[in-house]
Amino acid sequence: QLHLEGNNFTGPLPSEFGKLQMMIGLHLDDNMFTSTIPVKLSSMRSLVVLSLGNNALSGPIPTEISELHDLVELKLSGNVLEGSVPKAVCELGLKELQVDSNVQCSCCSQNI
């Protein structure tokens, strides 16, 4: 697992994290990452936890996140994401899904 919470990192969230294909946990909360969630994170096929809360990420939640079949926790609250949680992401059967109330989620009940 990679824990880089609270380090005041700025700028776009590096898509290079997607190269860490055997990583089971990516914790990047409480930084100042900007940009959209990189689609290349869906290459991290072993991820169980993806925690990107409390940054400045924007745009939609990529449908490609649904390719992370081992994912159990997805934490995205505290960003400026928009749109809705893709139905394919909800169908992963996540134990924990954190999104802000401005992100629509018709297939889950865990909006925060």
PDB file of N, CA and C in Angstrom:
ATOM      1  N   GLN A   1       0.839  -1.178   0.000  1.00  0.00           N
ATOM      2  CA  GLN A   1       0.000   0.000   0.000  1.00  0.00           C
ATOM      3  C   GLN A   1       0.879   1.233   0.000  1.00  0.00           C
ATOM      4  N   LEU A   2       0.377   2.273  -0.625  1.00  0.00           N
ATOM      5  CA  LEU A   2       1.096   3.530  -0.688  1.00  0.00           C
ATOM      6  C   LEU A   2       0.272   4.590   0.030  1.00  0.00           C
ATOM      7  N   HIS A   3       0.813   5.118   1.122  1.00  0.00           N
ATOM      8  CA  HIS A   3       0.136   6.140   1.921  1.00  0.00           C
ATOM      9  C   HIS A   3       0.870   7.458   1.752  1.00  0.00           C
ATOM     10  N   LEU A   4       0.234   8.399   1.053  1.00  0.00           N
ATOM     11  CA  LEU A   4       0.820   9.719   0.843  1.00  0.00           C
ATOM     12  C   LEU A   4      -0.170  10.809   1.247  1.00  0.00           C
ATOM     13  N   GLU A   5      -0.940  10.559   2.292  1.00  0.00           N
ATOM     14  CA  GLU A   5      -1.938  11.512   2.741  1.00  0.00           C
ATOM     15  C   GLU A   5      -1.268  12.724   3.384  1.00  0.00           C
ATOM     16  N   GLY A   6      -1.926  13.889   3.209  1.00  0.00           N
ATOM     17  CA  GLY A   6      -1.536  15.084   3.925  1.00  0.00           C
ATOM     18  C   GLY A   6      -0.151  15.613   3.639  1.00  0.00           C
ATOM     19  N   ASN A   7       0.320  15.487   2.420  1.00  0.00           N
ATOM     20  CA  ASN A   7       1.650  15.960   2.070  1.00  0.00           C
ATOM     21  C   ASN A   7       1.660  17.274   1.294  1.00  0.00           C
ATOM     22  N   ASN A   8       0.490  17.875   1.123  1.00  0.00           N
ATOM     23  CA  ASN A   8       0.369  19.137   0.377  1.00  0.00           C
ATOM     24  C   ASN A   8       0.894  19.039  -1.050  1.00  0.00           C
ATOM     25  N   PHE A   9       0.792  17.853  -1.663  1.00  0.00           N
ATOM     26  CA  PHE A   9       1.146  17.705  -3.071  1.00  0.00           C
ATOM     27  C   PHE A   9       0.182  18.545  -3.901  1.00  0.00           C
ATOM     28  N   THR A  10       0.684  19.173  -4.940  1.00  0.00           N
ATOM     29  CA  THR A  10      -0.139  20.006  -5.805  1.00  0.00           C
ATOM     30  C   THR A  10       0.004  19.550  -7.248  1.00  0.00           C
ATOM     31  N   GLY A  11      -0.837  20.103  -8.101  1.00  0.00           N
ATOM     32  CA  GLY A  11      -0.773  19.809  -9.522  1.00  0.00           C
ATOM     33  C   GLY A  11      -1.644  18.631  -9.895  1.00  0.00           C
ATOM     34  N   PRO A  12      -1.574  18.248 -11.156  1.00  0.00           N
ATOM     35  CA  PRO A  12      -2.401  17.129 -11.631  1.00  0.00           C
ATOM     36  C   PRO A  12      -2.030  15.815 -10.939  1.00  0.00           C
ATOM     37  N   LEU A  13      -3.027  14.996 -10.718  1.00  0.00           N
ATOM     38  CA  LEU A  13      -2.787  13.660 -10.165  1.00  0.00           C
ATOM     39  C   LEU A  13      -2.042  12.857 -11.228  1.00  0.00           C
ATOM     40  N   PRO A  14      -0.831  12.405 -10.942  1.00  0.00           N
ATOM     41  CA  PRO A  14      -0.021  11.728 -11.967  1.00  0.00           C
ATOM     42  C   PRO A  14      -0.658  10.421 -12.464  1.00  0.00           C
ATOM     43  N   SER A  15      -0.795  10.316 -13.762  1.00  0.00           N
ATOM     44  CA  SER A  15      -1.334   9.085 -14.351  1.00  0.00           C
ATOM     45  C   SER A  15      -0.350   7.931 -14.199  1.00  0.00           C
ATOM     46  N   GLU A  16       0.920   8.248 -13.894  1.00  0.00           N
ATOM     47  CA  GLU A  16       1.941   7.219 -13.717  1.00  0.00           C
ATOM     48  C   GLU A  16       1.634   6.259 -12.573  1.00  0.00           C
ATOM     49  N   PHE A  17       0.766   6.672 -11.646  1.00  0.00           N
ATOM     50  CA  PHE A  17       0.354   5.744 -10.597  1.00  0.00           C
ATOM     51  C   PHE A  17      -0.241   4.476 -11.208  1.00  0.00           C
ATOM     52  N   GLY A  18      -0.817   4.591 -12.395  1.00  0.00           N
ATOM     53  CA  GLY A  18      -1.399   3.446 -13.076  1.00  0.00           C
ATOM     54  C   GLY A  18      -0.404   2.345 -13.384  1.00  0.00           C
ATOM     55  N   LYS A  19       0.872   2.657 -13.355  1.00  0.00           N
ATOM     56  CA  LYS A  19       1.910   1.655 -13.616  1.00  0.00           C
ATOM     57  C   LYS A  19       2.137   0.731 -12.418  1.00  0.00           C
ATOM     58  N   LEU A  20       1.597   1.092 -11.273  1.00  0.00           N
ATOM     59  CA  LEU A  20       1.769   0.292 -10.055  1.00  0.00           C
ATOM     60  C   LEU A  20       0.702  -0.792 -10.007  1.00  0.00           C
ATOM     61  N   GLN A  21       0.791  -1.718 -10.918  1.00  0.00           N
ATOM     62  CA  GLN A  21      -0.278  -2.689 -11.141  1.00  0.00           C
ATOM     63  C   GLN A  21      -0.473  -3.687 -10.013  1.00  0.00           C
ATOM     64  N   MET A  22       0.505  -3.873  -9.150  1.00  0.00           N
ATOM     65  CA  MET A  22       0.367  -4.822  -8.048  1.00  0.00           C
ATOM     66  C   MET A  22      -0.028  -4.136  -6.731  1.00  0.00           C
ATOM     67  N   MET A  23      -0.179  -2.832  -6.762  1.00  0.00           N
ATOM     68  CA  MET A  23      -0.538  -2.056  -5.570  1.00  0.00           C
ATOM     69  C   MET A  23      -1.953  -2.419  -5.118  1.00  0.00           C
ATOM     70  N   ILE A  24      -2.143  -2.627  -3.825  1.00  0.00           N
ATOM     71  CA  ILE A  24      -3.482  -2.963  -3.330  1.00  0.00           C
ATOM     72  C   ILE A  24      -4.174  -1.777  -2.662  1.00  0.00           C
ATOM     73  N   GLY A  25      -3.411  -0.742  -2.312  1.00  0.00           N
ATOM     74  CA  GLY A  25      -4.013   0.429  -1.696  1.00  0.00           C
ATOM     75  C   GLY A  25      -3.299   1.695  -2.115  1.00  0.00           C
ATOM     76  N   LEU A  26      -4.065   2.684  -2.595  1.00  0.00           N
ATOM     77  CA  LEU A  26      -3.510   3.973  -2.967  1.00  0.00           C
ATOM     78  C   LEU A  26      -4.255   5.038  -2.172  1.00  0.00           C
ATOM     79  N   HIS A  27      -3.551   5.673  -1.239  1.00  0.00           N
ATOM     80  CA  HIS A  27      -4.137   6.640  -0.313  1.00  0.00           C
ATOM     81  C   HIS A  27      -3.496   8.003  -0.564  1.00  0.00           C
ATOM     82  N   LEU A  28      -4.223   8.874  -1.243  1.00  0.00           N
ATOM     83  CA  LEU A  28      -3.701  10.188  -1.601  1.00  0.00           C
ATOM     84  C   LEU A  28      -4.578  11.304  -1.043  1.00  0.00           C
ATOM     85  N   ASP A  29      -5.304  11.032   0.023  1.00  0.00           N
ATOM     86  CA  ASP A  29      -6.207  12.012   0.628  1.00  0.00           C
ATOM     87  C   ASP A  29      -5.446  13.230   1.146  1.00  0.00           C
ATOM     88  N   ASP A  30      -6.206  14.315   1.325  1.00  0.00           N
ATOM     89  CA  ASP A  30      -5.716  15.503   2.016  1.00  0.00           C
ATOM     90  C   ASP A  30      -4.455  16.101   1.399  1.00  0.00           C
ATOM     91  N   ASN A  31      -4.450  16.178   0.086  1.00  0.00           N
ATOM     92  CA  ASN A  31      -3.417  16.892  -0.646  1.00  0.00           C
ATOM     93  C   ASN A  31      -4.116  17.984  -1.444  1.00  0.00           C
ATOM     94  N   MET A  32      -3.488  18.475  -2.476  1.00  0.00           N
ATOM     95  CA  MET A  32      -4.104  19.506  -3.315  1.00  0.00           C
ATOM     96  C   MET A  32      -3.985  19.134  -4.786  1.00  0.00           C
ATOM     97  N   PHE A  33      -4.200  17.842  -5.079  1.00  0.00           N
ATOM     98  CA  PHE A  33      -4.155  17.402  -6.469  1.00  0.00           C
ATOM     99  C   PHE A  33      -5.312  18.034  -7.235  1.00  0.00           C
ATOM    100  N   THR A  34      -5.028  18.434  -8.456  1.00  0.00           N
ATOM    101  CA  THR A  34      -6.033  19.024  -9.329  1.00  0.00           C
ATOM    102  C   THR A  34      -6.201  18.109 -10.544  1.00  0.00           C
ATOM    103  N   SER A  35      -7.005  18.500 -11.460  1.00  0.00           N
ATOM    104  CA  SER A  35      -7.286  17.778 -12.700  1.00  0.00           C
ATOM    105  C   SER A  35      -8.386  16.758 -12.497  1.00  0.00           C
ATOM    106  N   THR A  36      -8.557  15.935 -13.485  1.00  0.00           N
ATOM    107  CA  THR A  36      -9.537  14.859 -13.406  1.00  0.00           C
ATOM    108  C   THR A  36      -8.870  13.612 -12.836  1.00  0.00           C
ATOM    109  N   ILE A  37      -9.670  12.617 -12.500  1.00  0.00           N
ATOM    110  CA  ILE A  37      -9.136  11.328 -12.055  1.00  0.00           C
ATOM    111  C   ILE A  37      -8.580  10.628 -13.301  1.00  0.00           C
ATOM    112  N   PRO A  38      -7.291  10.318 -13.326  1.00  0.00           N
ATOM    113  CA  PRO A  38      -6.712   9.707 -14.521  1.00  0.00           C
ATOM    114  C   PRO A  38      -7.327   8.333 -14.830  1.00  0.00           C
ATOM    115  N   VAL A  39      -7.710   8.143 -16.071  1.00  0.00           N
ATOM    116  CA  VAL A  39      -8.266   6.868 -16.518  1.00  0.00           C
ATOM    117  C   VAL A  39      -7.247   5.748 -16.315  1.00  0.00           C
ATOM    118  N   LYS A  40      -5.960   6.079 -16.399  1.00  0.00           N
ATOM    119  CA  LYS A  40      -4.904   5.057 -16.273  1.00  0.00           C
ATOM    120  C   LYS A  40      -4.883   4.396 -14.895  1.00  0.00           C
ATOM    121  N   LEU A  41      -5.553   4.992 -13.899  1.00  0.00           N
ATOM    122  CA  LEU A  41      -5.621   4.327 -12.595  1.00  0.00           C
ATOM    123  C   LEU A  41      -6.351   2.990 -12.705  1.00  0.00           C
ATOM    124  N   SER A  42      -7.156   2.834 -13.744  1.00  0.00           N
ATOM    125  CA  SER A  42      -7.873   1.567 -13.935  1.00  0.00           C
ATOM    126  C   SER A  42      -6.924   0.424 -14.303  1.00  0.00           C
ATOM    127  N   SER A  43      -5.652   0.734 -14.560  1.00  0.00           N
ATOM    128  CA  SER A  43      -4.648  -0.309 -14.818  1.00  0.00           C
ATOM    129  C   SER A  43      -4.150  -0.952 -13.534  1.00  0.00           C
ATOM    130  N   MET A  44      -4.498  -0.358 -12.401  1.00  0.00           N
ATOM    131  CA  MET A  44      -4.052  -0.874 -11.105  1.00  0.00           C
ATOM    132  C   MET A  44      -5.001  -1.995 -10.668  1.00  0.00           C
ATOM    133  N   ARG A  45      -4.983  -3.086 -11.389  1.00  0.00           N
ATOM    134  CA  ARG A  45      -5.978  -4.149 -11.257  1.00  0.00           C
ATOM    135  C   ARG A  45      -6.027  -4.830  -9.903  1.00  0.00           C
ATOM    136  N   SER A  46      -5.010  -4.663  -9.068  1.00  0.00           N
ATOM    137  CA  SER A  46      -4.998  -5.298  -7.747  1.00  0.00           C
ATOM    138  C   SER A  46      -5.545  -4.392  -6.650  1.00  0.00           C
ATOM    139  N   LEU A  47      -5.940  -3.164  -7.004  1.00  0.00           N
ATOM    140  CA  LEU A  47      -6.394  -2.213  -5.989  1.00  0.00           C
ATOM    141  C   LEU A  47      -7.605  -2.721  -5.217  1.00  0.00           C
ATOM    142  N   VAL A  48      -7.519  -2.611  -3.915  1.00  0.00           N
ATOM    143  CA  VAL A  48      -8.626  -2.909  -3.018  1.00  0.00           C
ATOM    144  C   VAL A  48      -9.176  -1.596  -2.461  1.00  0.00           C
ATOM    145  N   VAL A  49      -8.281  -0.620  -2.255  1.00  0.00           N
ATOM    146  CA  VAL A  49      -8.668   0.690  -1.722  1.00  0.00           C
ATOM    147  C   VAL A  49      -8.112   1.784  -2.621  1.00  0.00           C
ATOM    148  N   LEU A  50      -8.998   2.674  -3.069  1.00  0.00           N
ATOM    149  CA  LEU A  50      -8.596   3.874  -3.792  1.00  0.00           C
ATOM    150  C   LEU A  50      -9.167   5.058  -3.030  1.00  0.00           C
ATOM    151  N   SER A  51      -8.289   5.819  -2.398  1.00  0.00           N
ATOM    152  CA  SER A  51      -8.710   6.901  -1.525  1.00  0.00           C
ATOM    153  C   SER A  51      -8.121   8.214  -2.015  1.00  0.00           C
ATOM    154  N   LEU A  52      -8.984   9.051  -2.594  1.00  0.00           N
ATOM    155  CA  LEU A  52      -8.561  10.313  -3.199  1.00  0.00           C
ATOM    156  C   LEU A  52      -9.284  11.501  -2.581  1.00  0.00           C
ATOM    157  N   GLY A  53      -9.822  11.347  -1.394  1.00  0.00           N
ATOM    158  CA  GLY A  53     -10.633  12.380  -0.767  1.00  0.00           C
ATOM    159  C   GLY A  53      -9.861  13.637  -0.416  1.00  0.00           C
ATOM    160  N   ASN A  54     -10.602  14.750  -0.366  1.00  0.00           N
ATOM    161  CA  ASN A  54     -10.074  16.040   0.080  1.00  0.00           C
ATOM    162  C   ASN A  54      -8.880  16.523  -0.734  1.00  0.00           C
ATOM    163  N   ASN A  55      -9.085  16.562  -2.031  1.00  0.00           N
ATOM    164  CA  ASN A  55      -8.152  17.170  -2.963  1.00  0.00           C
ATOM    165  C   ASN A  55      -8.930  18.231  -3.728  1.00  0.00           C
ATOM    166  N   ALA A  56      -8.551  18.527  -4.944  1.00  0.00           N
ATOM    167  CA  ALA A  56      -9.287  19.466  -5.789  1.00  0.00           C
ATOM    168  C   ALA A  56      -9.552  18.823  -7.147  1.00  0.00           C
ATOM    169  N   LEU A  57      -9.830  17.523  -7.126  1.00  0.00           N
ATOM    170  CA  LEU A  57     -10.099  16.796  -8.369  1.00  0.00           C
ATOM    171  C   LEU A  57     -11.451  17.227  -8.923  1.00  0.00           C
ATOM    172  N   SER A  58     -11.541  17.311 -10.240  1.00  0.00           N
ATOM    173  CA  SER A  58     -12.768  17.780 -10.874  1.00  0.00           C
ATOM    174  C   SER A  58     -13.162  16.842 -12.011  1.00  0.00           C
ATOM    175  N   GLY A  59     -14.293  17.146 -12.605  1.00  0.00           N
ATOM    176  CA  GLY A  59     -14.772  16.357 -13.732  1.00  0.00           C
ATOM    177  C   GLY A  59     -15.542  15.139 -13.273  1.00  0.00           C
ATOM    178  N   PRO A  60     -15.855  14.256 -14.204  1.00  0.00           N
ATOM    179  CA  PRO A  60     -16.635  13.064 -13.883  1.00  0.00           C
ATOM    180  C   PRO A  60     -15.787  11.950 -13.282  1.00  0.00           C
ATOM    181  N   ILE A  61     -16.459  11.013 -12.644  1.00  0.00           N
ATOM    182  CA  ILE A  61     -15.806   9.785 -12.166  1.00  0.00           C
ATOM    183  C   ILE A  61     -15.679   8.863 -13.381  1.00  0.00           C
ATOM    184  N   PRO A  62     -14.472   8.457 -13.729  1.00  0.00           N
ATOM    185  CA  PRO A  62     -14.308   7.638 -14.940  1.00  0.00           C
ATOM    186  C   PRO A  62     -15.001   6.273 -14.820  1.00  0.00           C
ATOM    187  N   THR A  63     -15.721   5.904 -15.851  1.00  0.00           N
ATOM    188  CA  THR A  63     -16.359   4.590 -15.904  1.00  0.00           C
ATOM    189  C   THR A  63     -15.321   3.482 -15.788  1.00  0.00           C
ATOM    190  N   GLU A  64     -14.109   3.737 -16.254  1.00  0.00           N
ATOM    191  CA  GLU A  64     -13.044   2.732 -16.240  1.00  0.00           C
ATOM    192  C   GLU A  64     -12.687   2.255 -14.835  1.00  0.00           C
ATOM    193  N   ILE A  65     -13.065   3.010 -13.813  1.00  0.00           N
ATOM    194  CA  ILE A  65     -12.847   2.570 -12.429  1.00  0.00           C
ATOM    195  C   ILE A  65     -13.526   1.213 -12.216  1.00  0.00           C
ATOM    196  N   SER A  66     -14.573   0.947 -12.969  1.00  0.00           N
ATOM    197  CA  SER A  66     -15.295  -0.324 -12.836  1.00  0.00           C
ATOM    198  C   SER A  66     -14.446  -1.523 -13.262  1.00  0.00           C
ATOM    199  N   GLU A  67     -13.300  -1.283 -13.883  1.00  0.00           N
ATOM    200  CA  GLU A  67     -12.399  -2.371 -14.272  1.00  0.00           C
ATOM    201  C   GLU A  67     -11.564  -2.859 -13.091  1.00  0.00           C
ATOM    202  N   LEU A  68     -11.672  -2.188 -11.953  1.00  0.00           N
ATOM    203  CA  LEU A  68     -10.940  -2.577 -10.744  1.00  0.00           C
ATOM    204  C   LEU A  68     -11.813  -3.556  -9.949  1.00  0.00           C
ATOM    205  N   HIS A  69     -11.842  -4.792 -10.381  1.00  0.00           N
ATOM    206  CA  HIS A  69     -12.771  -5.788  -9.843  1.00  0.00           C
ATOM    207  C   HIS A  69     -12.517  -6.174  -8.395  1.00  0.00           C
ATOM    208  N   ASP A  70     -11.320  -5.917  -7.867  1.00  0.00           N
ATOM    209  CA  ASP A  70     -11.022  -6.229  -6.471  1.00  0.00           C
ATOM    210  C   ASP A  70     -11.309  -5.056  -5.537  1.00  0.00           C
ATOM    211  N   LEU A  71     -11.723  -3.919  -6.103  1.00  0.00           N
ATOM    212  CA  LEU A  71     -11.933  -2.713  -5.313  1.00  0.00           C
ATOM    213  C   LEU A  71     -13.042  -2.914  -4.284  1.00  0.00           C
ATOM    214  N   VAL A  72     -12.761  -2.515  -3.044  1.00  0.00           N
ATOM    215  CA  VAL A  72     -13.707  -2.635  -1.940  1.00  0.00           C
ATOM    216  C   VAL A  72     -14.086  -1.251  -1.406  1.00  0.00           C
ATOM    217  N   GLU A  73     -13.124  -0.316  -1.419  1.00  0.00           N
ATOM    218  CA  GLU A  73     -13.353   1.035  -0.923  1.00  0.00           C
ATOM    219  C   GLU A  73     -12.954   2.058  -1.978  1.00  0.00           C
ATOM    220  N   LEU A  74     -13.870   2.991  -2.236  1.00  0.00           N
ATOM    221  CA  LEU A  74     -13.622   4.096  -3.150  1.00  0.00           C
ATOM    222  C   LEU A  74     -14.016   5.378  -2.431  1.00  0.00           C
ATOM    223  N   LYS A  75     -13.031   6.206  -2.120  1.00  0.00           N
ATOM    224  CA  LYS A  75     -13.266   7.420  -1.341  1.00  0.00           C
ATOM    225  C   LYS A  75     -12.918   8.631  -2.197  1.00  0.00           C
ATOM    226  N   LEU A  76     -13.956   9.375  -2.564  1.00  0.00           N
ATOM    227  CA  LEU A  76     -13.789  10.508  -3.465  1.00  0.00           C
ATOM    228  C   LEU A  76     -14.374  11.804  -2.919  1.00  0.00           C
ATOM    229  N   SER A  77     -14.873  11.814  -1.699  1.00  0.00           N
ATOM    230  CA  SER A  77     -15.511  13.019  -1.165  1.00  0.00           C
ATOM    231  C   SER A  77     -14.482  14.110  -0.926  1.00  0.00           C
ATOM    232  N   GLY A  78     -14.963  15.353  -0.862  1.00  0.00           N
ATOM    233  CA  GLY A  78     -14.078  16.481  -0.622  1.00  0.00           C
ATOM    234  C   GLY A  78     -13.348  16.959  -1.859  1.00  0.00           C
ATOM    235  N   ASN A  79     -13.881  16.670  -3.023  1.00  0.00           N
ATOM    236  CA  ASN A  79     -13.349  17.152  -4.291  1.00  0.00           C
ATOM    237  C   ASN A  79     -14.430  17.983  -4.971  1.00  0.00           C
ATOM    238  N   VAL A  80     -14.222  18.361  -6.190  1.00  0.00           N
ATOM    239  CA  VAL A  80     -15.238  19.095  -6.946  1.00  0.00           C
ATOM    240  C   VAL A  80     -15.672  18.277  -8.160  1.00  0.00           C
ATOM    241  N   LEU A  81     -15.876  16.991  -7.923  1.00  0.00           N
ATOM    242  CA  LEU A  81     -16.321  16.098  -8.988  1.00  0.00           C
ATOM    243  C   LEU A  81     -17.743  16.454  -9.388  1.00  0.00           C
ATOM    244  N   GLU A  82     -18.126  16.057 -10.581  1.00  0.00           N
ATOM    245  CA  GLU A  82     -19.465  16.369 -11.079  1.00  0.00           C
ATOM    246  C   GLU A  82     -20.040  15.182 -11.823  1.00  0.00           C
ATOM    247  N   GLY A  83     -21.303  15.284 -12.117  1.00  0.00           N
ATOM    248  CA  GLY A  83     -21.966  14.208 -12.842  1.00  0.00           C
ATOM    249  C   GLY A  83     -22.509  13.165 -11.898  1.00  0.00           C
ATOM    250  N   SER A  84     -22.350  11.925 -12.268  1.00  0.00           N
ATOM    251  CA  SER A  84     -22.892  10.841 -11.456  1.00  0.00           C
ATOM    252  C   SER A  84     -21.888   9.696 -11.347  1.00  0.00           C
ATOM    253  N   VAL A  85     -22.127   8.857 -10.361  1.00  0.00           N
ATOM    254  CA  VAL A  85     -21.319   7.651 -10.213  1.00  0.00           C
ATOM    255  C   VAL A  85     -21.758   6.699 -11.318  1.00  0.00           C
ATOM    256  N   PRO A  86     -20.846   6.259 -12.173  1.00  0.00           N
ATOM    257  CA  PRO A  86     -21.243   5.322 -13.229  1.00  0.00           C
ATOM    258  C   PRO A  86     -21.869   4.061 -12.635  1.00  0.00           C
ATOM    259  N   LYS A  87     -22.935   3.597 -13.268  1.00  0.00           N
ATOM    260  CA  LYS A  87     -23.625   2.411 -12.770  1.00  0.00           C
ATOM    261  C   LYS A  87     -22.676   1.223 -12.656  1.00  0.00           C
ATOM    262  N   ALA A  88     -21.749   1.091 -13.589  1.00  0.00           N
ATOM    263  CA  ALA A  88     -20.786  -0.020 -13.553  1.00  0.00           C
ATOM    264  C   ALA A  88     -19.912   0.042 -12.305  1.00  0.00           C
ATOM    265  N   VAL A  89     -19.641   1.240 -11.796  1.00  0.00           N
ATOM    266  CA  VAL A  89     -18.861   1.378 -10.567  1.00  0.00           C
ATOM    267  C   VAL A  89     -19.692   0.899  -9.380  1.00  0.00           C
ATOM    268  N   CYS A  90     -20.958   1.279  -9.335  1.00  0.00           N
ATOM    269  CA  CYS A  90     -21.831   0.819  -8.253  1.00  0.00           C
ATOM    270  C   CYS A  90     -21.975  -0.699  -8.257  1.00  0.00           C
ATOM    271  N   GLU A  91     -21.947  -1.292  -9.419  1.00  0.00           N
ATOM    272  CA  GLU A  91     -22.125  -2.736  -9.541  1.00  0.00           C
ATOM    273  C   GLU A  91     -20.912  -3.530  -9.067  1.00  0.00           C
ATOM    274  N   LEU A  92     -19.843  -2.841  -8.683  1.00  0.00           N
ATOM    275  CA  LEU A  92     -18.674  -3.532  -8.133  1.00  0.00           C
ATOM    276  C   LEU A  92     -18.973  -4.141  -6.768  1.00  0.00           C
ATOM    277  N   GLY A  93     -20.031  -3.699  -6.113  1.00  0.00           N
ATOM    278  CA  GLY A  93     -20.352  -4.213  -4.784  1.00  0.00           C
ATOM    279  C   GLY A  93     -19.408  -3.675  -3.719  1.00  0.00           C
ATOM    280  N   LEU A  94     -19.071  -2.403  -3.834  1.00  0.00           N
ATOM    281  CA  LEU A  94     -18.152  -1.775  -2.887  1.00  0.00           C
ATOM    282  C   LEU A  94     -18.707  -1.822  -1.463  1.00  0.00           C
ATOM    283  N   LYS A  95     -17.833  -2.036  -0.496  1.00  0.00           N
ATOM    284  CA  LYS A  95     -18.238  -1.966   0.910  1.00  0.00           C
ATOM    285  C   LYS A  95     -18.312  -0.528   1.373  1.00  0.00           C
ATOM    286  N   GLU A  96     -17.518   0.349   0.749  1.00  0.00           N
ATOM    287  CA  GLU A  96     -17.531   1.759   1.111  1.00  0.00           C
ATOM    288  C   GLU A  96     -17.364   2.609  -0.138  1.00  0.00           C
ATOM    289  N   LEU A  97     -18.294   3.533  -0.311  1.00  0.00           N
ATOM    290  CA  LEU A  97     -18.252   4.480  -1.421  1.00  0.00           C
ATOM    291  C   LEU A  97     -18.537   5.855  -0.846  1.00  0.00           C
ATOM    292  N   GLN A  98     -17.565   6.748  -0.941  1.00  0.00           N
ATOM    293  CA  GLN A  98     -17.738   8.110  -0.435  1.00  0.00           C
ATOM    294  C   GLN A  98     -17.672   9.085  -1.597  1.00  0.00           C
ATOM    295  N   VAL A  99     -18.788   9.790  -1.798  1.00  0.00           N
ATOM    296  CA  VAL A  99     -18.857  10.867  -2.770  1.00  0.00           C
ATOM    297  C   VAL A  99     -19.617  12.018  -2.127  1.00  0.00           C
ATOM    298  N   ASP A 100     -19.438  13.214  -2.660  1.00  0.00           N
ATOM    299  CA  ASP A 100     -20.166  14.365  -2.153  1.00  0.00           C
ATOM    300  C   ASP A 100     -21.596  14.351  -2.658  1.00  0.00           C
ATOM    301  N   SER A 101     -22.461  15.097  -1.978  1.00  0.00           N
ATOM    302  CA  SER A 101     -23.883  15.087  -2.308  1.00  0.00           C
ATOM    303  C   SER A 101     -24.182  15.686  -3.679  1.00  0.00           C
ATOM    304  N   ASN A 102     -23.256  16.475  -4.251  1.00  0.00           N
ATOM    305  CA  ASN A 102     -23.485  17.019  -5.585  1.00  0.00           C
ATOM    306  C   ASN A 102     -23.252  15.987  -6.682  1.00  0.00           C
ATOM    307  N   VAL A 103     -22.668  14.847  -6.344  1.00  0.00           N
ATOM    308  CA  VAL A 103     -22.456  13.770  -7.317  1.00  0.00           C
ATOM    309  C   VAL A 103     -23.664  12.848  -7.241  1.00  0.00           C
ATOM    310  N   GLN A 104     -24.353  12.703  -8.337  1.00  0.00           N
ATOM    311  CA  GLN A 104     -25.550  11.866  -8.361  1.00  0.00           C
ATOM    312  C   GLN A 104     -25.176  10.390  -8.312  1.00  0.00           C
ATOM    313  N   CYS A 105     -25.991   9.656  -7.570  1.00  0.00           N
ATOM    314  CA  CYS A 105     -25.758   8.215  -7.487  1.00  0.00           C
ATOM    315  C   CYS A 105     -27.103   7.530  -7.345  1.00  0.00           C
ATOM    316  N   SER A 106     -27.644   7.089  -8.446  1.00  0.00           N
ATOM    317  CA  SER A 106     -28.971   6.477  -8.432  1.00  0.00           C
ATOM    318  C   SER A 106     -28.943   5.017  -7.997  1.00  0.00           C
ATOM    319  N   CYS A 107     -27.771   4.421  -7.941  1.00  0.00           N
ATOM    320  CA  CYS A 107     -27.692   2.998  -7.658  1.00  0.00           C
ATOM    321  C   CYS A 107     -27.016   2.687  -6.331  1.00  0.00           C
ATOM    322  N   CYS A 108     -26.770   3.696  -5.516  1.00  0.00           N
ATOM    323  CA  CYS A 108     -26.133   3.447  -4.234  1.00  0.00           C
ATOM    324  C   CYS A 108     -26.751   4.354  -3.180  1.00  0.00           C
ATOM    325  N   SER A 109     -26.547   4.002  -1.949  1.00  0.00           N
ATOM    326  CA  SER A 109     -27.156   4.773  -0.866  1.00  0.00           C
ATOM    327  C   SER A 109     -26.110   5.377   0.051  1.00  0.00           C
ATOM    328  N   GLN A 110     -24.859   5.423  -0.361  1.00  0.00           N
ATOM    329  CA  GLN A 110     -23.792   5.850   0.527  1.00  0.00           C
ATOM    330  C   GLN A 110     -23.249   7.221   0.183  1.00  0.00           C
ATOM    331  N   ASN A 111     -24.092   8.113  -0.333  1.00  0.00           N
ATOM    332  CA  ASN A 111     -23.627   9.473  -0.591  1.00  0.00           C
ATOM    333  C   ASN A 111     -23.334  10.177   0.728  1.00  0.00           C
ATOM    334  N   ILE A 112     -22.265  10.894   0.775  1.00  0.00           N
ATOM    335  CA  ILE A 112     -21.900  11.643   1.985  1.00  0.00           C
ATOM    336  C   ILE A 112     -21.857  13.120   1.644  1.00  0.00           C
TER     337      ILE A 112
END
